[in-house]
Amino acid sequence: MDWLFLLLLGLVLFFVRDVLLLSSFREQGSFLRATTAYAAIFVVAFVLLGTAADFVSREEALKLIGDVRLWVPAVLLHGALWLGFFQAKRDPRARRWMFALTLIPAPVFVYCAGGLCWLALASSHALNGTTAGVLLGAAWVALAAAGAWWARRFSSAESQAGAILDFAAAANLSAILLLPLHLQSEQSALVESAFHGKTSAMALAATVGLIGASFLFHRLRRAP
């Protein structure tokens, strides 16, 4: 599977997640506060990633996600985000966490956004990393805010809250499948090594295990 397709798939997944989450802030004041905080954090994230893209090649970035010291915390963080959104759906009192969860850039999103910055630099020699990060971050935030504003006009508040949290939880869990898929897609482009082969298999096993545990948990919870 082509690495560019996987990168775009990850970006689309998190874009839809964030649009839906921002749209759940129904009052105008809370919506403005949420989008302002979201803009501040995600523009800074893009600027940092753009700056890093000046010094880290795509091959070096791929080696990083094959490092057990990186992908194990990444999988755990995605699992924690899934649990947080799932708990927010079950317990209305826990929905105050939803805003904080929305502002945490997921590891797969960070990797995909970094790839987008790298593509911008590779396609235009007039840009430096910081400038690319500012432009991409501003575009991302503007599109997310516009999408959320549009979604607020065509959805009801409480009736959609549960579905939005369901999608956010599923997005964080399913996104980590992109890590082993991306590693697999690039095996022919990188020097083969036993270490990378083992970590790829372990990452896939950890991902499948988490998704299987989630499925089993839901089945047991619904059983009479």
C-alpha atoms as a PDB file:
ATOM      1  CA  MET A   1       0.000   0.000   0.000  1.00  0.00           C
ATOM      2  CA  ASP A   2       1.440   3.380  -1.034  1.00  0.00           C
ATOM      3  CA  TRP A   3       2.824   5.483   1.807  1.00  0.00           C
ATOM      4  CA  LEU A   4       1.238   8.668   0.420  1.00  0.00           C
ATOM      5  CA  PHE A   5      -2.201   7.051   0.458  1.00  0.00           C
ATOM      6  CA  LEU A   6      -1.696   5.990   4.088  1.00  0.00           C
ATOM      7  CA  LEU A   7      -0.529   9.491   5.015  1.00  0.00           C
ATOM      8  CA  LEU A   8      -3.603  11.102   3.448  1.00  0.00           C
ATOM      9  CA  LEU A   9      -5.859   8.483   5.023  1.00  0.00           C
ATOM     10  CA  GLY A  10      -4.525   9.357   8.471  1.00  0.00           C
ATOM     11  CA  LEU A  11      -4.988  13.084   7.882  1.00  0.00           C
ATOM     12  CA  VAL A  12      -8.571  12.619   6.656  1.00  0.00           C
ATOM     13  CA  LEU A  13      -9.408  10.403   9.624  1.00  0.00           C
ATOM     14  CA  PHE A  14      -8.223  12.959  12.176  1.00  0.00           C
ATOM     15  CA  PHE A  15      -9.657  15.884  10.249  1.00  0.00           C
ATOM     16  CA  VAL A  16     -13.152  14.358  10.375  1.00  0.00           C
ATOM     17  CA  ARG A  17     -12.654  13.486  14.048  1.00  0.00           C
ATOM     18  CA  ASP A  18     -11.663  17.041  14.964  1.00  0.00           C
ATOM     19  CA  VAL A  19     -14.423  18.650  12.897  1.00  0.00           C
ATOM     20  CA  LEU A  20     -17.028  16.528  14.680  1.00  0.00           C
ATOM     21  CA  LEU A  21     -15.534  17.153  18.114  1.00  0.00           C
ATOM     22  CA  LEU A  22     -15.353  20.915  17.609  1.00  0.00           C
ATOM     23  CA  SER A  23     -18.922  20.919  16.290  1.00  0.00           C
ATOM     24  CA  SER A  24     -20.111  19.423  19.581  1.00  0.00           C
ATOM     25  CA  PHE A  25     -19.479  22.777  21.289  1.00  0.00           C
ATOM     26  CA  ARG A  26     -22.942  24.184  20.682  1.00  0.00           C
ATOM     27  CA  GLU A  27     -22.824  27.560  22.425  1.00  0.00           C
ATOM     28  CA  GLN A  28     -21.149  30.307  20.433  1.00  0.00           C
ATOM     29  CA  GLY A  29     -18.841  31.309  23.280  1.00  0.00           C
ATOM     30  CA  SER A  30     -17.672  27.759  24.010  1.00  0.00           C
ATOM     31  CA  PHE A  31     -17.206  27.097  20.297  1.00  0.00           C
ATOM     32  CA  LEU A  32     -14.994  30.179  19.913  1.00  0.00           C
ATOM     33  CA  ARG A  33     -12.923  29.242  22.972  1.00  0.00           C
ATOM     34  CA  ALA A  34     -12.537  25.660  21.736  1.00  0.00           C
ATOM     35  CA  THR A  35     -11.483  26.659  18.217  1.00  0.00           C
ATOM     36  CA  THR A  36      -9.075  29.312  19.554  1.00  0.00           C
ATOM     37  CA  ALA A  37      -7.324  26.812  21.829  1.00  0.00           C
ATOM     38  CA  TYR A  38      -7.324  24.230  19.035  1.00  0.00           C
ATOM     39  CA  ALA A  39      -5.803  26.767  16.633  1.00  0.00           C
ATOM     40  CA  ALA A  40      -3.044  27.748  19.056  1.00  0.00           C
ATOM     41  CA  ILE A  41      -1.964  24.168  19.764  1.00  0.00           C
ATOM     42  CA  PHE A  42      -2.211  22.779  16.252  1.00  0.00           C
ATOM     43  CA  VAL A  43      -0.510  25.705  14.513  1.00  0.00           C
ATOM     44  CA  VAL A  44       2.381  25.348  16.965  1.00  0.00           C
ATOM     45  CA  ALA A  45       2.429  21.590  16.308  1.00  0.00           C
ATOM     46  CA  PHE A  46       2.634  22.151  12.549  1.00  0.00           C
ATOM     47  CA  VAL A  47       5.379  24.763  12.972  1.00  0.00           C
ATOM     48  CA  LEU A  48       7.458  22.350  15.070  1.00  0.00           C
ATOM     49  CA  LEU A  49       6.883  19.536  12.587  1.00  0.00           C
ATOM     50  CA  GLY A  50       7.740  21.786   9.653  1.00  0.00           C
ATOM     51  CA  THR A  51      10.955  22.876  11.326  1.00  0.00           C
ATOM     52  CA  ALA A  52      11.823  19.240  12.060  1.00  0.00           C
ATOM     53  CA  ALA A  53      11.131  18.315   8.420  1.00  0.00           C
ATOM     54  CA  ASP A  54      14.093  20.519   7.441  1.00  0.00           C
ATOM     55  CA  PHE A  55      16.401  18.095   9.240  1.00  0.00           C
ATOM     56  CA  VAL A  56      14.638  14.689   9.170  1.00  0.00           C
ATOM     57  CA  SER A  57      14.212  12.782   5.916  1.00  0.00           C
ATOM     58  CA  ARG A  58      11.309  10.462   5.154  1.00  0.00           C
ATOM     59  CA  GLU A  59      13.589   7.436   5.556  1.00  0.00           C
ATOM     60  CA  GLU A  60      14.759   8.651   8.957  1.00  0.00           C
ATOM     61  CA  ALA A  61      11.160   9.246  10.040  1.00  0.00           C
ATOM     62  CA  LEU A  62      10.222   5.721   8.975  1.00  0.00           C
ATOM     63  CA  LYS A  63      13.103   4.317  11.013  1.00  0.00           C
ATOM     64  CA  LEU A  64      11.738   6.178  14.012  1.00  0.00           C
ATOM     65  CA  ILE A  65       8.318   4.507  13.823  1.00  0.00           C
ATOM     66  CA  GLY A  66      10.098   1.151  13.548  1.00  0.00           C
ATOM     67  CA  ASP A  67      11.798   1.843  16.874  1.00  0.00           C
ATOM     68  CA  VAL A  68      10.176  -0.021  19.763  1.00  0.00           C
ATOM     69  CA  ARG A  69      10.925   2.949  22.034  1.00  0.00           C
ATOM     70  CA  LEU A  70       8.589   5.072  19.931  1.00  0.00           C
ATOM     71  CA  TRP A  71       5.763   2.877  18.686  1.00  0.00           C
ATOM     72  CA  VAL A  72       5.008   1.232  22.045  1.00  0.00           C
ATOM     73  CA  PRO A  73       4.242   4.614  23.734  1.00  0.00           C
ATOM     74  CA  ALA A  74       2.366   5.633  20.556  1.00  0.00           C
ATOM     75  CA  VAL A  75       0.124   2.561  20.717  1.00  0.00           C
ATOM     76  CA  LEU A  76      -0.444   3.092  24.447  1.00  0.00           C
ATOM     77  CA  LEU A  77      -1.361   6.758  23.941  1.00  0.00           C
ATOM     78  CA  HIS A  78      -3.845   5.863  21.216  1.00  0.00           C
ATOM     79  CA  GLY A  79      -5.339   3.271  23.547  1.00  0.00           C
ATOM     80  CA  ALA A  80      -5.596   5.893  26.299  1.00  0.00           C
ATOM     81  CA  LEU A  81      -7.339   8.331  23.933  1.00  0.00           C
ATOM     82  CA  TRP A  82      -9.793   5.602  22.917  1.00  0.00           C
ATOM     83  CA  LEU A  83     -10.525   4.884  26.578  1.00  0.00           C
ATOM     84  CA  GLY A  84     -10.975   8.571  27.375  1.00  0.00           C
ATOM     85  CA  PHE A  85     -13.517   9.155  24.615  1.00  0.00           C
ATOM     86  CA  PHE A  86     -15.298   5.901  25.424  1.00  0.00           C
ATOM     87  CA  GLN A  87     -15.556   6.904  29.091  1.00  0.00           C
ATOM     88  CA  ALA A  88     -16.822  10.361  28.102  1.00  0.00           C
ATOM     89  CA  LYS A  89     -19.670   8.696  26.239  1.00  0.00           C
ATOM     90  CA  ARG A  90     -20.605   6.445  29.154  1.00  0.00           C
ATOM     91  CA  ASP A  91     -20.432   9.123  31.832  1.00  0.00           C
ATOM     92  CA  PRO A  92     -21.753  12.627  30.986  1.00  0.00           C
ATOM     93  CA  ARG A  93     -19.738  14.009  33.925  1.00  0.00           C
ATOM     94  CA  ALA A  94     -16.566  12.847  32.192  1.00  0.00           C
ATOM     95  CA  ARG A  95     -17.365  14.874  29.062  1.00  0.00           C
ATOM     96  CA  ARG A  96     -15.464  17.794  30.521  1.00  0.00           C
ATOM     97  CA  TRP A  97     -12.373  15.764  29.571  1.00  0.00           C
ATOM     98  CA  MET A  98     -13.430  15.775  25.934  1.00  0.00           C
ATOM     99  CA  PHE A  99     -11.999  19.229  25.298  1.00  0.00           C
ATOM    100  CA  ALA A 100      -8.601  18.254  26.707  1.00  0.00           C
ATOM    101  CA  LEU A 101      -8.623  15.021  24.673  1.00  0.00           C
ATOM    102  CA  THR A 102      -9.382  16.988  21.510  1.00  0.00           C
ATOM    103  CA  LEU A 103      -6.283  19.136  22.061  1.00  0.00           C
ATOM    104  CA  ILE A 104      -3.871  16.184  22.341  1.00  0.00           C
ATOM    105  CA  PRO A 105      -2.214  15.568  18.949  1.00  0.00           C
ATOM    106  CA  ALA A 106      -2.339  11.787  18.482  1.00  0.00           C
ATOM    107  CA  PRO A 107       0.986  10.153  17.507  1.00  0.00           C
ATOM    108  CA  VAL A 108      -0.326   8.930  14.134  1.00  0.00           C
ATOM    109  CA  PHE A 109      -1.588  12.442  13.386  1.00  0.00           C
ATOM    110  CA  VAL A 110       1.828  13.861  14.302  1.00  0.00           C
ATOM    111  CA  TYR A 111       3.507  11.436  11.906  1.00  0.00           C
ATOM    112  CA  CYS A 112       1.047  12.176   9.075  1.00  0.00           C
ATOM    113  CA  ALA A 113       1.246  15.939   9.605  1.00  0.00           C
ATOM    114  CA  GLY A 114       5.035  15.712   9.598  1.00  0.00           C
ATOM    115  CA  GLY A 115       4.835  13.832   6.304  1.00  0.00           C
ATOM    116  CA  LEU A 116       2.640  16.589   4.894  1.00  0.00           C
ATOM    117  CA  CYS A 117       5.236  19.187   5.904  1.00  0.00           C
ATOM    118  CA  TRP A 118       7.962  17.093   4.278  1.00  0.00           C
ATOM    119  CA  LEU A 119       5.927  16.894   1.062  1.00  0.00           C
ATOM    120  CA  ALA A 120       5.469  20.676   1.062  1.00  0.00           C
ATOM    121  CA  LEU A 121       9.212  21.190   1.398  1.00  0.00           C
ATOM    122  CA  ALA A 122       9.996  18.602  -1.274  1.00  0.00           C
ATOM    123  CA  SER A 123       7.621  20.211  -3.764  1.00  0.00           C
ATOM    124  CA  SER A 124       8.691  23.838  -3.217  1.00  0.00           C
ATOM    125  CA  HIS A 125      12.281  24.952  -2.704  1.00  0.00           C
ATOM    126  CA  ALA A 126      11.024  28.468  -1.904  1.00  0.00           C
ATOM    127  CA  LEU A 127       9.655  27.339   1.469  1.00  0.00           C
ATOM    128  CA  ASN A 128      11.577  26.637   4.625  1.00  0.00           C
ATOM    129  CA  GLY A 129      10.259  24.304   7.295  1.00  0.00           C
ATOM    130  CA  THR A 130       8.908  26.963   9.626  1.00  0.00           C
ATOM    131  CA  THR A 131       7.050  28.789   6.852  1.00  0.00           C
ATOM    132  CA  ALA A 132       5.582  25.522   5.566  1.00  0.00           C
ATOM    133  CA  GLY A 133       4.443  24.668   9.092  1.00  0.00           C
ATOM    134  CA  VAL A 134       2.757  28.043   9.567  1.00  0.00           C
ATOM    135  CA  LEU A 135       0.924  27.819   6.240  1.00  0.00           C
ATOM    136  CA  LEU A 136      -0.171  24.223   6.677  1.00  0.00           C
ATOM    137  CA  GLY A 137      -1.167  24.771  10.313  1.00  0.00           C
ATOM    138  CA  ALA A 138      -3.242  27.830   9.430  1.00  0.00           C
ATOM    139  CA  ALA A 139      -4.907  25.949   6.566  1.00  0.00           C
ATOM    140  CA  TRP A 140      -5.636  22.920   8.758  1.00  0.00           C
ATOM    141  CA  VAL A 141      -7.187  25.001  11.522  1.00  0.00           C
ATOM    142  CA  ALA A 142      -9.190  27.159   9.109  1.00  0.00           C
ATOM    143  CA  LEU A 143     -10.647  24.110   7.363  1.00  0.00           C
ATOM    144  CA  ALA A 144     -11.404  22.346  10.658  1.00  0.00           C
ATOM    145  CA  ALA A 145     -13.116  25.424  12.110  1.00  0.00           C
ATOM    146  CA  ALA A 146     -15.120  25.994   8.918  1.00  0.00           C
ATOM    147  CA  GLY A 147     -16.150  22.348   8.817  1.00  0.00           C
ATOM    148  CA  ALA A 148     -17.180  22.405  12.476  1.00  0.00           C
ATOM    149  CA  TRP A 149     -19.187  25.615  12.005  1.00  0.00           C
ATOM    150  CA  TRP A 150     -20.990  24.055   9.038  1.00  0.00           C
ATOM    151  CA  ALA A 151     -21.636  20.812  10.957  1.00  0.00           C
ATOM    152  CA  ARG A 152     -23.125  22.749  13.897  1.00  0.00           C
ATOM    153  CA  ARG A 153     -25.795  24.176  11.608  1.00  0.00           C
ATOM    154  CA  PHE A 154     -27.032  20.791  10.437  1.00  0.00           C
ATOM    155  CA  SER A 155     -26.927  18.633  13.554  1.00  0.00           C
ATOM    156  CA  SER A 156     -28.718  18.604  16.887  1.00  0.00           C
ATOM    157  CA  ALA A 157     -26.715  18.830  20.083  1.00  0.00           C
ATOM    158  CA  GLU A 158     -27.425  15.938  22.402  1.00  0.00           C
ATOM    159  CA  SER A 159     -28.660  13.469  19.802  1.00  0.00           C
ATOM    160  CA  GLN A 160     -25.264  13.542  18.049  1.00  0.00           C
ATOM    161  CA  ALA A 161     -22.962  13.649  21.093  1.00  0.00           C
ATOM    162  CA  GLY A 162     -22.835   9.895  21.584  1.00  0.00           C
ATOM    163  CA  ALA A 163     -22.164   9.209  17.900  1.00  0.00           C
ATOM    164  CA  ILE A 164     -19.384  11.832  17.824  1.00  0.00           C
ATOM    165  CA  LEU A 165     -17.669  10.284  20.836  1.00  0.00           C
ATOM    166  CA  ASP A 166     -18.060   6.817  19.318  1.00  0.00           C
ATOM    167  CA  PHE A 167     -16.336   7.995  16.140  1.00  0.00           C
ATOM    168  CA  ALA A 168     -13.566   9.773  18.070  1.00  0.00           C
ATOM    169  CA  ALA A 169     -12.863   6.639  20.096  1.00  0.00           C
ATOM    170  CA  ALA A 170     -12.867   4.413  17.005  1.00  0.00           C
ATOM    171  CA  ALA A 171     -10.655   6.846  15.070  1.00  0.00           C
ATOM    172  CA  ASN A 172      -7.961   6.820  17.735  1.00  0.00           C
ATOM    173  CA  LEU A 173      -7.975   3.037  17.928  1.00  0.00           C
ATOM    174  CA  SER A 174      -8.116   2.285  14.212  1.00  0.00           C
ATOM    175  CA  ALA A 175      -5.493   4.916  13.306  1.00  0.00           C
ATOM    176  CA  ILE A 176      -2.694   2.877  14.851  1.00  0.00           C
ATOM    177  CA  LEU A 177      -3.221   0.281  12.110  1.00  0.00           C
ATOM    178  CA  LEU A 178      -1.494   2.802   9.848  1.00  0.00           C
ATOM    179  CA  LEU A 179       1.818   2.316  11.676  1.00  0.00           C
ATOM    180  CA  PRO A 180       2.424  -1.354  10.731  1.00  0.00           C
ATOM    181  CA  LEU A 181       0.791  -0.803   7.315  1.00  0.00           C
ATOM    182  CA  HIS A 182       3.172   2.074   6.634  1.00  0.00           C
ATOM    183  CA  LEU A 183       6.147   0.018   7.709  1.00  0.00           C
ATOM    184  CA  GLN A 184       5.029  -2.795   5.417  1.00  0.00           C
ATOM    185  CA  SER A 185       4.576  -0.431   2.471  1.00  0.00           C
ATOM    186  CA  GLU A 186       8.148   0.808   2.768  1.00  0.00           C
ATOM    187  CA  GLN A 187       9.968  -2.492   3.331  1.00  0.00           C
ATOM    188  CA  SER A 188      11.181  -2.627  -0.253  1.00  0.00           C
ATOM    189  CA  ALA A 189      12.474   0.958  -0.063  1.00  0.00           C
ATOM    190  CA  LEU A 190      14.583   0.480   3.059  1.00  0.00           C
ATOM    191  CA  VAL A 191      17.495  -1.766   3.921  1.00  0.00           C
ATOM    192  CA  GLU A 192      16.104  -4.981   5.378  1.00  0.00           C
ATOM    193  CA  SER A 193      17.108  -5.854   8.927  1.00  0.00           C
ATOM    194  CA  ALA A 194      15.972  -8.444  11.420  1.00  0.00           C
ATOM    195  CA  PHE A 195      15.302  -5.749  13.992  1.00  0.00           C
ATOM    196  CA  HIS A 196      12.890  -3.850  11.774  1.00  0.00           C
ATOM    197  CA  GLY A 197      11.145  -7.067  10.762  1.00  0.00           C
ATOM    198  CA  LYS A 198      10.575  -8.024  14.373  1.00  0.00           C
ATOM    199  CA  THR A 199       9.357  -4.600  15.447  1.00  0.00           C
ATOM    200  CA  SER A 200       6.939  -4.437  12.502  1.00  0.00           C
ATOM    201  CA  ALA A 201       5.471  -7.813  13.442  1.00  0.00           C
ATOM    202  CA  MET A 202       5.269  -6.815  17.109  1.00  0.00           C
ATOM    203  CA  ALA A 203       3.563  -3.511  16.235  1.00  0.00           C
ATOM    204  CA  LEU A 204       0.983  -5.353  14.129  1.00  0.00           C
ATOM    205  CA  ALA A 205       0.412  -7.888  16.895  1.00  0.00           C
ATOM    206  CA  ALA A 206      -0.051  -5.125  19.486  1.00  0.00           C
ATOM    207  CA  THR A 207      -2.493  -3.300  17.214  1.00  0.00           C
ATOM    208  CA  VAL A 208      -4.561  -6.410  16.476  1.00  0.00           C
ATOM    209  CA  GLY A 209      -4.550  -7.237  20.169  1.00  0.00           C
ATOM    210  CA  LEU A 210      -5.911  -3.836  21.134  1.00  0.00           C
ATOM    211  CA  ILE A 211      -8.654  -3.944  18.515  1.00  0.00           C
ATOM    212  CA  GLY A 212      -9.549  -7.504  19.487  1.00  0.00           C
ATOM    213  CA  ALA A 213      -9.711  -6.533  23.155  1.00  0.00           C
ATOM    214  CA  SER A 214     -11.954  -3.586  22.282  1.00  0.00           C
ATOM    215  CA  PHE A 215     -14.309  -5.824  20.281  1.00  0.00           C
ATOM    216  CA  LEU A 216     -14.454  -8.399  23.087  1.00  0.00           C
ATOM    217  CA  PHE A 217     -15.087  -5.687  25.672  1.00  0.00           C
ATOM    218  CA  HIS A 218     -18.048  -4.327  23.707  1.00  0.00           C
ATOM    219  CA  ARG A 219     -19.489  -7.813  23.175  1.00  0.00           C
ATOM    220  CA  LEU A 220     -19.246  -8.673  26.866  1.00  0.00           C
ATOM    221  CA  ARG A 221     -20.724  -5.333  27.898  1.00  0.00           C
ATOM    222  CA  ARG A 222     -23.749  -5.853  25.649  1.00  0.00           C
ATOM    223  CA  ALA A 223     -24.276  -9.479  26.636  1.00  0.00           C
ATOM    224  CA  PRO A 224     -27.317 -10.086  28.930  1.00  0.00           C
END
